[in-house]
Amino acid sequence: MANTSDYGHVMSDRKLFNQAVYTSLPKALKILDERRKDPELMAKVEKLLNGNIPKILKEQKCGVQFRQIATPNNDTKHFLKLTKDFGLTPFFMEYHDDKFSSNNSFKRSLGQLHIQGPLNKKGEYRIEKITIMDFNKHNGKKLSDVITNKSEKLVDFHKKLFEVCGLQGQAGNFCDMSEWVKSHGVKPHEYYPNFFLLFTCFGILFENYSLGKNENEFTKEVVLPAVDKVIELTGVKPLIVPVEPMDIEDEDYWIYYDERVKSFLKNNSK
């Protein structure tokens, strides 16, 4: 177990950070099976969470993705492939009460879709950006209240994209965790320790926490202290598996959509 008390030091050493936060998927599967056979640990975590655990996590062996709104971009498609290959049930936790901000790269990508075209002569993907909402009108609003230019709820639009991309049969488990978040503190530094408790023995979280300049404060101020708190409370590390190759985790590639989305938007505009 890595000592994460000096978060600055951990953040400066990629190898140390990976050891402190992540577990490889094959190892995480083995550990999850072992922990679910430990009644003392299971009871302890359930008590710490006041029994507030999504039912599916108790009944099935799940791989979890946590996004404000689930959407079938390259990141999600890779997540679905990993869960399928390793026999996990994909479960999408969402946070619809979070506020929309065009300054947040992921939230912005929900309203300005990056469509991935063929490679150009330089070996780079041709990208077309299509804006589907009014950013100025919706900045600061709950994501559940954001409406597209076609008068459709943004949440509903992105659910529809799973069908557009042929993924509806692979991704049927969605849960808006807004009420759960409220009950555990609302602010990330308040609810993240309890969020990570879910992944001690009730599932595996698929996530990449960036050390880049845009996300390093969140990683340092929220993620590492939450990992420490879980270890302090339970004696075990939460099971977090990197969903993307870590050497390209900051690339825009992961927010791209395939060209079926462009065709859908085009047909929808008629």
Protein backbone atom coordinates (compact mmCIF):
# COMPACT_ATOMS: atom_id res chain seq x y z
CA MET A 1 0.00 0.00 0.00
CA ALA A 2 1.43 3.36 -1.00
CA ASN A 3 1.71 6.16 1.55
CA THR A 4 -0.47 8.92 0.17
CA SER A 5 -0.06 11.41 3.03
CA ASP A 6 2.27 13.56 0.94
CA TYR A 7 -0.07 14.12 -1.98
CA GLY A 8 2.27 16.47 -3.79
CA HIS A 9 4.97 13.81 -3.83
CA VAL A 10 2.52 11.15 -5.01
CA MET A 11 1.29 13.44 -7.80
CA SER A 12 4.84 14.05 -8.99
CA ASP A 13 5.58 10.34 -9.46
CA ARG A 14 3.32 8.57 -11.97
CA LYS A 15 4.38 5.11 -10.81
CA LEU A 16 3.70 5.94 -7.16
CA PHE A 17 0.36 7.52 -8.07
CA ASN A 18 -0.71 4.45 -10.04
CA GLN A 19 0.18 2.21 -7.10
CA ALA A 20 -1.73 4.43 -4.68
CA VAL A 21 -4.92 4.71 -6.74
CA TYR A 22 -5.26 1.98 -9.36
CA THR A 23 -5.57 -1.79 -9.49
CA SER A 24 -5.19 -3.81 -12.69
CA LEU A 25 -8.45 -5.27 -13.95
CA PRO A 26 -7.51 -8.97 -13.59
CA LYS A 27 -6.30 -8.32 -10.05
CA ALA A 28 -9.35 -6.22 -9.20
CA LEU A 29 -11.67 -9.04 -10.29
CA LYS A 30 -9.85 -11.51 -8.04
CA ILE A 31 -9.87 -9.12 -5.09
CA LEU A 32 -13.55 -8.29 -5.55
CA ASP A 33 -14.46 -11.98 -5.44
CA GLU A 34 -12.42 -12.40 -2.25
CA ARG A 35 -13.90 -9.37 -0.53
CA ARG A 36 -17.47 -10.33 -1.37
CA LYS A 37 -16.86 -13.54 0.55
CA ASP A 38 -15.78 -11.52 3.62
CA PRO A 39 -19.00 -10.96 5.63
CA GLU A 40 -17.24 -8.73 8.15
CA LEU A 41 -15.98 -6.31 5.49
CA MET A 42 -19.31 -6.33 3.64
CA ALA A 43 -21.20 -5.56 6.85
CA LYS A 44 -18.76 -2.82 7.82
CA VAL A 45 -19.05 -1.04 4.49
CA GLU A 46 -22.84 -1.35 4.45
CA LYS A 47 -22.98 0.17 7.94
CA LEU A 48 -20.64 3.02 6.96
CA LEU A 49 -22.96 3.80 4.03
CA ASN A 50 -26.13 3.39 6.13
CA GLY A 51 -27.25 0.74 3.67
CA ASN A 52 -27.36 3.33 0.88
CA ILE A 53 -26.01 1.06 -1.86
CA PRO A 54 -27.58 0.70 -5.32
CA LYS A 55 -29.40 -2.63 -5.50
CA ILE A 56 -27.63 -3.74 -8.67
CA LEU A 57 -24.24 -3.55 -6.92
CA LYS A 58 -25.46 -6.02 -4.31
CA GLU A 59 -26.93 -8.43 -6.82
CA GLN A 60 -24.45 -8.39 -9.70
CA LYS A 61 -20.73 -8.05 -10.28
CA CYS A 62 -20.55 -4.61 -11.87
CA GLY A 63 -18.08 -2.41 -13.63
CA VAL A 64 -19.08 1.21 -13.02
CA GLN A 65 -18.63 4.41 -14.98
CA PHE A 66 -19.53 7.68 -13.20
CA ARG A 67 -20.37 10.63 -15.45
CA GLN A 68 -22.73 13.59 -15.07
CA ILE A 69 -24.52 12.23 -18.14
CA ALA A 70 -23.70 8.86 -19.69
CA THR A 71 -22.98 9.16 -23.39
CA PRO A 72 -21.58 6.75 -26.02
CA ASN A 73 -18.30 8.50 -26.84
CA ASN A 74 -15.03 6.60 -27.34
CA ASP A 75 -14.42 6.55 -23.59
CA THR A 76 -17.72 4.81 -22.91
CA LYS A 77 -17.36 2.40 -25.82
CA HIS A 78 -13.97 1.32 -24.45
CA PHE A 79 -15.50 0.89 -20.99
CA LEU A 80 -18.27 -1.31 -22.43
CA LYS A 81 -15.75 -3.45 -24.28
CA LEU A 82 -13.73 -4.01 -21.10
CA THR A 83 -16.77 -4.99 -19.04
CA LYS A 84 -17.95 -7.36 -21.75
CA ASP A 85 -14.52 -8.97 -22.18
CA PHE A 86 -14.21 -9.57 -18.42
CA GLY A 87 -17.77 -10.67 -17.70
CA LEU A 88 -18.88 -7.61 -15.73
CA THR A 89 -22.29 -5.95 -15.81
CA PRO A 90 -21.88 -2.34 -17.01
CA PHE A 91 -23.51 0.17 -14.68
CA PHE A 92 -23.68 3.89 -15.41
CA MET A 93 -23.89 6.19 -12.41
CA GLU A 94 -24.93 9.72 -13.38
CA TYR A 95 -25.23 13.09 -11.65
CA HIS A 96 -28.00 15.05 -13.34
CA ASP A 97 -28.19 17.69 -10.58
CA ASP A 98 -24.66 18.84 -11.30
CA LYS A 99 -24.42 22.27 -12.91
CA PHE A 100 -23.61 22.75 -16.58
CA SER A 101 -20.42 24.71 -17.27
CA SER A 102 -19.02 25.35 -20.72
CA ASN A 103 -15.60 25.76 -19.06
CA ASN A 104 -15.57 22.07 -18.12
CA SER A 105 -14.23 20.07 -21.06
CA PHE A 106 -16.44 17.01 -20.53
CA LYS A 107 -19.64 18.99 -19.91
CA ARG A 108 -18.88 21.16 -22.93
CA SER A 109 -18.48 18.02 -25.05
CA LEU A 110 -22.06 17.05 -24.13
CA GLY A 111 -23.29 20.20 -25.85
CA GLN A 112 -20.72 20.43 -28.63
CA LEU A 113 -20.29 16.97 -30.14
CA HIS A 114 -16.93 16.05 -31.68
CA ILE A 115 -17.64 13.74 -34.62
CA GLN A 116 -14.70 11.54 -35.58
CA GLY A 117 -14.19 11.24 -39.32
CA PRO A 118 -11.54 9.34 -41.33
CA LEU A 119 -7.81 9.91 -40.98
CA ASN A 120 -6.24 12.70 -43.02
CA LYS A 121 -2.85 12.54 -44.78
CA LYS A 122 -1.09 13.40 -41.51
CA GLY A 123 -2.63 10.40 -39.79
CA GLU A 124 -4.95 12.60 -37.72
CA TYR A 125 -8.69 12.14 -37.40
CA ARG A 126 -10.84 14.69 -39.16
CA ILE A 127 -13.06 16.17 -36.46
CA GLU A 128 -16.29 18.04 -37.01
CA LYS A 129 -17.77 19.94 -34.05
CA ILE A 130 -21.56 20.24 -33.92
CA THR A 131 -23.14 22.42 -31.23
CA ILE A 132 -26.57 21.23 -30.10
CA MET A 133 -27.40 23.75 -27.34
CA ASP A 134 -27.04 27.36 -26.22
CA PHE A 135 -24.13 27.50 -23.78
CA ASN A 136 -24.78 31.02 -22.50
CA LYS A 137 -28.44 30.25 -21.80
CA HIS A 138 -27.67 27.12 -19.80
CA ASN A 139 -24.43 27.88 -17.93
CA GLY A 140 -25.07 27.32 -14.23
CA LYS A 141 -28.28 25.33 -14.74
CA LYS A 142 -28.72 21.75 -13.54
CA LEU A 143 -27.90 19.32 -16.31
CA SER A 144 -31.38 17.86 -15.89
CA ASP A 145 -32.78 21.27 -16.91
CA VAL A 146 -30.60 21.77 -19.98
CA ILE A 147 -32.53 21.72 -23.26
CA THR A 148 -31.06 21.18 -26.73
CA ASN A 149 -31.75 23.39 -29.73
CA LYS A 150 -34.44 20.86 -30.70
CA SER A 151 -36.28 21.40 -27.37
CA GLU A 152 -35.19 18.02 -26.06
CA LYS A 153 -33.71 17.40 -22.63
CA LEU A 154 -29.94 16.99 -22.92
CA VAL A 155 -30.12 13.88 -20.71
CA ASP A 156 -32.69 12.25 -23.01
CA PHE A 157 -30.72 13.18 -26.13
CA HIS A 158 -27.61 11.37 -24.90
CA LYS A 159 -29.59 8.27 -23.90
CA LYS A 160 -30.94 8.20 -27.46
CA LEU A 161 -27.36 8.19 -28.79
CA PHE A 162 -26.75 4.75 -27.27
CA GLU A 163 -29.36 3.39 -29.67
CA VAL A 164 -27.96 5.47 -32.55
CA CYS A 165 -24.54 3.90 -31.93
CA GLY A 166 -25.95 0.37 -31.67
CA LEU A 167 -25.21 0.05 -27.96
CA GLN A 168 -28.69 -0.09 -26.45
CA GLY A 169 -28.41 -3.81 -25.77
CA GLN A 170 -25.08 -3.45 -23.95
CA ALA A 171 -25.89 -0.47 -21.75
CA GLY A 172 -29.23 -0.84 -20.00
CA ASN A 173 -28.26 -0.04 -16.41
CA PHE A 174 -28.40 3.67 -15.58
CA CYS A 175 -28.89 5.38 -12.24
CA ASP A 176 -29.10 9.10 -11.47
CA MET A 177 -27.09 9.36 -8.25
CA SER A 178 -28.13 12.96 -7.50
CA GLU A 179 -30.12 12.08 -4.38
CA TRP A 180 -27.36 9.73 -3.24
CA VAL A 181 -24.80 12.52 -3.63
CA LYS A 182 -27.00 14.96 -1.67
CA SER A 183 -27.28 12.50 1.18
CA HIS A 184 -23.48 12.26 1.39
CA GLY A 185 -22.49 15.90 1.28
CA VAL A 186 -22.94 17.38 -2.25
CA LYS A 187 -19.38 18.77 -2.47
CA PRO A 188 -16.87 16.29 -3.95
CA HIS A 189 -14.51 16.33 -0.96
CA GLU A 190 -17.52 15.42 1.22
CA TYR A 191 -19.11 12.63 -0.80
CA TYR A 192 -16.12 11.04 -2.53
CA PRO A 193 -14.97 8.99 0.49
CA ASN A 194 -18.43 7.39 0.63
CA PHE A 195 -18.48 7.05 -3.15
CA PHE A 196 -15.18 5.17 -3.04
CA LEU A 197 -16.51 2.96 -0.22
CA LEU A 198 -18.86 1.42 -2.80
CA PHE A 199 -15.81 0.06 -4.60
CA THR A 200 -14.25 -1.73 -1.69
CA CYS A 201 -16.52 -4.75 -2.14
CA PHE A 202 -19.62 -3.81 -4.17
CA GLY A 203 -18.14 -3.17 -7.61
CA ILE A 204 -15.19 -1.92 -9.66
CA LEU A 205 -14.90 1.71 -10.71
CA PHE A 206 -13.49 2.38 -14.18
CA GLU A 207 -11.89 5.82 -14.15
CA ASN A 208 -8.77 7.78 -15.07
CA TYR A 209 -7.74 10.59 -12.75
CA SER A 210 -5.60 13.08 -14.61
CA LEU A 211 -2.34 14.54 -13.37
CA GLY A 212 -2.55 17.22 -16.07
CA LYS A 213 -2.99 20.89 -15.27
CA ASN A 214 -6.76 20.93 -15.85
CA GLU A 215 -7.63 18.21 -13.33
CA ASN A 216 -4.68 17.95 -10.97
CA GLU A 217 -6.29 20.04 -8.22
CA PHE A 218 -9.32 17.72 -8.12
CA THR A 219 -7.04 14.69 -8.03
CA LYS A 220 -4.94 16.14 -5.23
CA GLU A 221 -7.70 17.71 -3.14
CA VAL A 222 -10.45 15.11 -3.61
CA VAL A 223 -9.28 11.77 -5.02
CA LEU A 224 -6.16 11.05 -2.96
CA PRO A 225 -7.70 12.10 0.40
CA ALA A 226 -10.78 9.96 -0.39
CA VAL A 227 -8.60 6.91 -1.12
CA ASP A 228 -6.79 7.52 2.18
CA LYS A 229 -10.08 7.84 4.08
CA VAL A 230 -11.40 4.55 2.70
CA ILE A 231 -8.20 2.75 3.70
CA GLU A 232 -8.44 4.32 7.16
CA LEU A 233 -12.06 3.19 7.58
CA THR A 234 -11.84 -0.31 6.09
CA GLY A 235 -8.20 -1.30 5.82
CA VAL A 236 -8.54 -1.87 2.07
CA LYS A 237 -8.11 0.26 -1.05
CA PRO A 238 -11.06 0.99 -3.35
CA LEU A 239 -10.94 -0.95 -6.60
CA ILE A 240 -10.31 1.61 -9.36
CA VAL A 241 -9.28 0.45 -12.82
CA PRO A 242 -8.03 2.87 -15.49
CA VAL A 243 -10.44 2.66 -18.40
CA GLU A 244 -8.11 4.31 -20.91
CA PRO A 245 -4.42 3.80 -21.71
CA MET A 246 -2.88 6.20 -19.22
CA ASP A 247 -0.33 7.60 -21.65
CA ILE A 248 -3.11 9.21 -23.73
CA GLU A 249 -5.68 9.94 -21.00
CA ASP A 250 -5.63 13.70 -21.69
CA GLU A 251 -6.26 13.38 -25.43
CA ASP A 252 -9.53 14.62 -26.90
CA TYR A 253 -9.92 11.24 -28.62
CA TRP A 254 -11.97 9.92 -25.70
CA ILE A 255 -14.77 12.48 -26.18
CA TYR A 256 -15.18 11.75 -29.92
CA TYR A 257 -18.34 10.17 -31.37
CA ASP A 258 -18.57 8.01 -34.47
CA GLU A 259 -20.14 9.23 -37.71
CA ARG A 260 -23.50 7.60 -37.02
CA VAL A 261 -24.13 10.47 -34.63
CA LYS A 262 -23.55 12.98 -37.42
CA SER A 263 -26.02 11.13 -39.67
CA PHE A 264 -28.57 11.11 -36.85
CA LEU A 265 -28.18 14.85 -36.27
CA LYS A 266 -28.50 15.51 -40.00
CA ASN A 267 -31.69 13.44 -40.31
CA ASN A 268 -33.03 15.02 -37.12
CA SER A 269 -32.65 18.51 -38.54
CA LYS A 270 -35.10 17.90 -41.39
